[in-house]
Structures are given as structure tokens and as C-alpha cells.
Amino acid sequence: MDKAKGRMKEAAGSLTGDKDTKAKGRSDQRRGNMKEKKGNLKDLLK
């Protein structure tokens, strides 16, 4: 969910030229990647 939200924010920031929104979008994408990796690690440890 965070990855998709981040992609949308980054695209909106790019279209409007808003560097702040674009950076927040990248941050959301990173958060989504970390959550995904954390979930994968939990699955491996089961």
C-alpha cells in the first residue's frame, strides 16, 4: 500500500514541480519496501 501511495505522490510532485511532495513519495515507497522485506523475513523464520 505504501509503495503505491508513494508512486502516486512522487508522480504528482513531478507533474506539479513540488519537490517536497516528490520526496515524500519516495519516502513512502522506501517505507513500503521495508515493510515488504520485514514480512518476507517473518515468513522465512516460520
PDB file of N, CA and C in Angstrom:
ATOM      1  N   MET A   1       0.823  -1.193   0.000  1.00  0.00           N
ATOM      2  CA  MET A   1       0.000   0.000   0.000  1.00  0.00           C
ATOM      3  C   MET A   1       0.868   1.258   0.000  1.00  0.00           C
ATOM      4  N   ASP A   2       1.888   1.290   0.841  1.00  0.00           N
ATOM      5  CA  ASP A   2       2.761   2.460   0.909  1.00  0.00           C
ATOM      6  C   ASP A   2       3.507   2.672  -0.400  1.00  0.00           C
ATOM      7  N   LYS A   3       3.888   1.577  -1.037  1.00  0.00           N
ATOM      8  CA  LYS A   3       4.633   1.703  -2.296  1.00  0.00           C
ATOM      9  C   LYS A   3       3.768   2.374  -3.360  1.00  0.00           C
ATOM     10  N   ALA A   4       2.522   1.953  -3.476  1.00  0.00           N
ATOM     11  CA  ALA A   4       1.621   2.535  -4.474  1.00  0.00           C
ATOM     12  C   ALA A   4       1.324   3.997  -4.144  1.00  0.00           C
ATOM     13  N   LYS A   5       1.072   4.262  -2.874  1.00  0.00           N
ATOM     14  CA  LYS A   5       0.808   5.638  -2.446  1.00  0.00           C
ATOM     15  C   LYS A   5       2.022   6.513  -2.735  1.00  0.00           C
ATOM     16  N   GLY A   6       3.193   5.977  -2.497  1.00  0.00           N
ATOM     17  CA  GLY A   6       4.424   6.713  -2.749  1.00  0.00           C
ATOM     18  C   GLY A   6       4.629   7.013  -4.216  1.00  0.00           C
ATOM     19  N   ARG A   7       4.313   6.037  -5.064  1.00  0.00           N
ATOM     20  CA  ARG A   7       4.442   6.262  -6.507  1.00  0.00           C
ATOM     21  C   ARG A   7       3.515   7.380  -6.968  1.00  0.00           C
ATOM     22  N   MET A   8       2.293   7.390  -6.417  1.00  0.00           N
ATOM     23  CA  MET A   8       1.331   8.431  -6.783  1.00  0.00           C
ATOM     24  C   MET A   8       1.818   9.806  -6.324  1.00  0.00           C
ATOM     25  N   LYS A   9       2.324   9.880  -5.094  1.00  0.00           N
ATOM     26  CA  LYS A   9       2.831  11.156  -4.576  1.00  0.00           C
ATOM     27  C   LYS A   9       4.024  11.636  -5.388  1.00  0.00           C
ATOM     28  N   GLU A  10       4.914  10.716  -5.710  1.00  0.00           N
ATOM     29  CA  GLU A  10       6.099  11.095  -6.478  1.00  0.00           C
ATOM     30  C   GLU A  10       5.694  11.611  -7.859  1.00  0.00           C
ATOM     31  N   ALA A  11       4.747  10.931  -8.495  1.00  0.00           N
ATOM     32  CA  ALA A  11       4.277  11.367  -9.814  1.00  0.00           C
ATOM     33  C   ALA A  11       3.604  12.734  -9.724  1.00  0.00           C
ATOM     34  N   ALA A  12       2.786  12.930  -8.699  1.00  0.00           N
ATOM     35  CA  ALA A  12       2.119  14.223  -8.527  1.00  0.00           C
ATOM     36  C   ALA A  12       3.149  15.325  -8.296  1.00  0.00           C
ATOM     37  N   GLY A  13       4.153  15.028  -7.499  1.00  0.00           N
ATOM     38  CA  GLY A  13       5.211  16.002  -7.258  1.00  0.00           C
ATOM     39  C   GLY A  13       5.980  16.338  -8.520  1.00  0.00           C
ATOM     40  N   SER A  14       6.208  15.341  -9.345  1.00  0.00           N
ATOM     41  CA  SER A  14       6.909  15.574 -10.612  1.00  0.00           C
ATOM     42  C   SER A  14       6.076  16.443 -11.552  1.00  0.00           C
ATOM     43  N   LEU A  15       4.780  16.145 -11.611  1.00  0.00           N
ATOM     44  CA  LEU A  15       3.900  16.900 -12.509  1.00  0.00           C
ATOM     45  C   LEU A  15       3.757  18.356 -12.084  1.00  0.00           C
ATOM     46  N   THR A  16       3.676  18.579 -10.776  1.00  0.00           N
ATOM     47  CA  THR A  16       3.458  19.936 -10.276  1.00  0.00           C
ATOM     48  C   THR A  16       4.755  20.674  -9.997  1.00  0.00           C
ATOM     49  N   GLY A  17       5.867  19.953 -10.019  1.00  0.00           N
ATOM     50  CA  GLY A  17       7.152  20.578  -9.712  1.00  0.00           C
ATOM     51  C   GLY A  17       7.372  20.763  -8.221  1.00  0.00           C
ATOM     52  N   ASP A  18       6.590  20.053  -7.410  1.00  0.00           N
ATOM     53  CA  ASP A  18       6.684  20.161  -5.953  1.00  0.00           C
ATOM     54  C   ASP A  18       7.707  19.153  -5.437  1.00  0.00           C
ATOM     55  N   LYS A  19       8.880  19.641  -5.116  1.00  0.00           N
ATOM     56  CA  LYS A  19       9.965  18.766  -4.667  1.00  0.00           C
ATOM     57  C   LYS A  19       9.634  18.093  -3.340  1.00  0.00           C
ATOM     58  N   ASP A  20       8.891  18.785  -2.473  1.00  0.00           N
ATOM     59  CA  ASP A  20       8.531  18.240  -1.166  1.00  0.00           C
ATOM     60  C   ASP A  20       7.625  17.012  -1.319  1.00  0.00           C
ATOM     61  N   THR A  21       6.613  17.131  -2.158  1.00  0.00           N
ATOM     62  CA  THR A  21       5.694  16.014  -2.390  1.00  0.00           C
ATOM     63  C   THR A  21       6.424  14.850  -3.041  1.00  0.00           C
ATOM     64  N   LYS A  22       7.298  15.162  -3.964  1.00  0.00           N
ATOM     65  CA  LYS A  22       8.076  14.123  -4.639  1.00  0.00           C
ATOM     66  C   LYS A  22       8.949  13.371  -3.636  1.00  0.00           C
ATOM     67  N   ALA A  23       9.586  14.096  -2.720  1.00  0.00           N
ATOM     68  CA  ALA A  23      10.431  13.472  -1.700  1.00  0.00           C
ATOM     69  C   ALA A  23       9.600  12.618  -0.748  1.00  0.00           C
ATOM     70  N   LYS A  24       8.417  13.103  -0.375  1.00  0.00           N
ATOM     71  CA  LYS A  24       7.535  12.322   0.500  1.00  0.00           C
ATOM     72  C   LYS A  24       7.097  11.037  -0.196  1.00  0.00           C
ATOM     73  N   GLY A  25       6.885  11.113  -1.489  1.00  0.00           N
ATOM     74  CA  GLY A  25       6.524   9.923  -2.258  1.00  0.00           C
ATOM     75  C   GLY A  25       7.632   8.889  -2.244  1.00  0.00           C
ATOM     76  N   ARG A  26       8.854   9.342  -2.419  1.00  0.00           N
ATOM     77  CA  ARG A  26       9.994   8.416  -2.365  1.00  0.00           C
ATOM     78  C   ARG A  26      10.108   7.786  -0.979  1.00  0.00           C
ATOM     79  N   SER A  27       9.877   8.597   0.051  1.00  0.00           N
ATOM     80  CA  SER A  27       9.939   8.096   1.423  1.00  0.00           C
ATOM     81  C   SER A  27       8.878   7.021   1.655  1.00  0.00           C
ATOM     82  N   ASP A  28       7.669   7.268   1.168  1.00  0.00           N
ATOM     83  CA  ASP A  28       6.597   6.275   1.302  1.00  0.00           C
ATOM     84  C   ASP A  28       6.960   4.981   0.585  1.00  0.00           C
ATOM     85  N   GLN A  29       7.587   5.098  -0.573  1.00  0.00           N
ATOM     86  CA  GLN A  29       7.995   3.897  -1.307  1.00  0.00           C
ATOM     87  C   GLN A  29       9.032   3.106  -0.517  1.00  0.00           C
ATOM     88  N   ARG A  30       9.982   3.797   0.072  1.00  0.00           N
ATOM     89  CA  ARG A  30      11.002   3.107   0.882  1.00  0.00           C
ATOM     90  C   ARG A  30      10.361   2.412   2.074  1.00  0.00           C
ATOM     91  N   ARG A  31       9.397   3.095   2.711  1.00  0.00           N
ATOM     92  CA  ARG A  31       8.698   2.505   3.850  1.00  0.00           C
ATOM     93  C   ARG A  31       7.976   1.237   3.414  1.00  0.00           C
ATOM     94  N   GLY A  32       7.343   1.282   2.249  1.00  0.00           N
ATOM     95  CA  GLY A  32       6.656   0.105   1.717  1.00  0.00           C
ATOM     96  C   GLY A  32       7.614  -1.031   1.434  1.00  0.00           C
ATOM     97  N   ASN A  33       8.780  -0.709   0.889  1.00  0.00           N
ATOM     98  CA  ASN A  33       9.787  -1.738   0.626  1.00  0.00           C
ATOM     99  C   ASN A  33      10.258  -2.386   1.921  1.00  0.00           C
ATOM    100  N   MET A  34      10.467  -1.576   2.946  1.00  0.00           N
ATOM    101  CA  MET A  34      10.924  -2.116   4.231  1.00  0.00           C
ATOM    102  C   MET A  34       9.861  -3.020   4.854  1.00  0.00           C
ATOM    103  N   LYS A  35       8.598  -2.615   4.774  1.00  0.00           N
ATOM    104  CA  LYS A  35       7.519  -3.445   5.313  1.00  0.00           C
ATOM    105  C   LYS A  35       7.451  -4.778   4.575  1.00  0.00           C
ATOM    106  N   GLU A  36       7.630  -4.721   3.261  1.00  0.00           N
ATOM    107  CA  GLU A  36       7.601  -5.941   2.451  1.00  0.00           C
ATOM    108  C   GLU A  36       8.748  -6.866   2.841  1.00  0.00           C
ATOM    109  N   LYS A  37       9.942  -6.317   2.987  1.00  0.00           N
ATOM    110  CA  LYS A  37      11.099  -7.126   3.366  1.00  0.00           C
ATOM    111  C   LYS A  37      10.931  -7.703   4.763  1.00  0.00           C
ATOM    112  N   LYS A  38      10.360  -6.921   5.668  1.00  0.00           N
ATOM    113  CA  LYS A  38      10.107  -7.398   7.027  1.00  0.00           C
ATOM    114  C   LYS A  38       9.127  -8.579   6.993  1.00  0.00           C
ATOM    115  N   GLY A  39       8.099  -8.472   6.171  1.00  0.00           N
ATOM    116  CA  GLY A  39       7.136  -9.559   6.031  1.00  0.00           C
ATOM    117  C   GLY A  39       7.775 -10.804   5.446  1.00  0.00           C
ATOM    118  N   ASN A  40       8.633 -10.618   4.455  1.00  0.00           N
ATOM    119  CA  ASN A  40       9.328 -11.761   3.854  1.00  0.00           C
ATOM    120  C   ASN A  40      10.233 -12.446   4.868  1.00  0.00           C
ATOM    121  N   LEU A  41      10.906 -11.659   5.688  1.00  0.00           N
ATOM    122  CA  LEU A  41      11.789 -12.217   6.710  1.00  0.00           C
ATOM    123  C   LEU A  41      10.983 -13.008   7.736  1.00  0.00           C
ATOM    124  N   LYS A  42       9.839 -12.466   8.139  1.00  0.00           N
ATOM    125  CA  LYS A  42       8.980 -13.183   9.089  1.00  0.00           C
ATOM    126  C   LYS A  42       8.551 -14.530   8.514  1.00  0.00           C
ATOM    127  N   ASP A  43       8.213 -14.536   7.216  1.00  0.00           N
ATOM    128  CA  ASP A  43       7.799 -15.781   6.568  1.00  0.00           C
ATOM    129  C   ASP A  43       8.939 -16.798   6.545  1.00  0.00           C
ATOM    130  N   LEU A  44      10.152 -16.329   6.314  1.00  0.00           N
ATOM    131  CA  LEU A  44      11.304 -17.232   6.278  1.00  0.00           C
ATOM    132  C   LEU A  44      11.593 -17.847   7.643  1.00  0.00           C
ATOM    133  N   LEU A  45      11.322 -17.083   8.692  1.00  0.00           N
ATOM    134  CA  LEU A  45      11.637 -17.548  10.038  1.00  0.00           C
ATOM    135  C   LEU A  45      10.579 -18.476  10.617  1.00  0.00           C
ATOM    136  N   LYS A  46       9.466 -18.634   9.926  1.00  0.00           N
ATOM    137  CA  LYS A  46       8.405 -19.525  10.430  1.00  0.00           C
ATOM    138  C   LYS A  46       8.790 -20.966  10.272  1.00  0.00           C
TER     139      LYS A  46
END
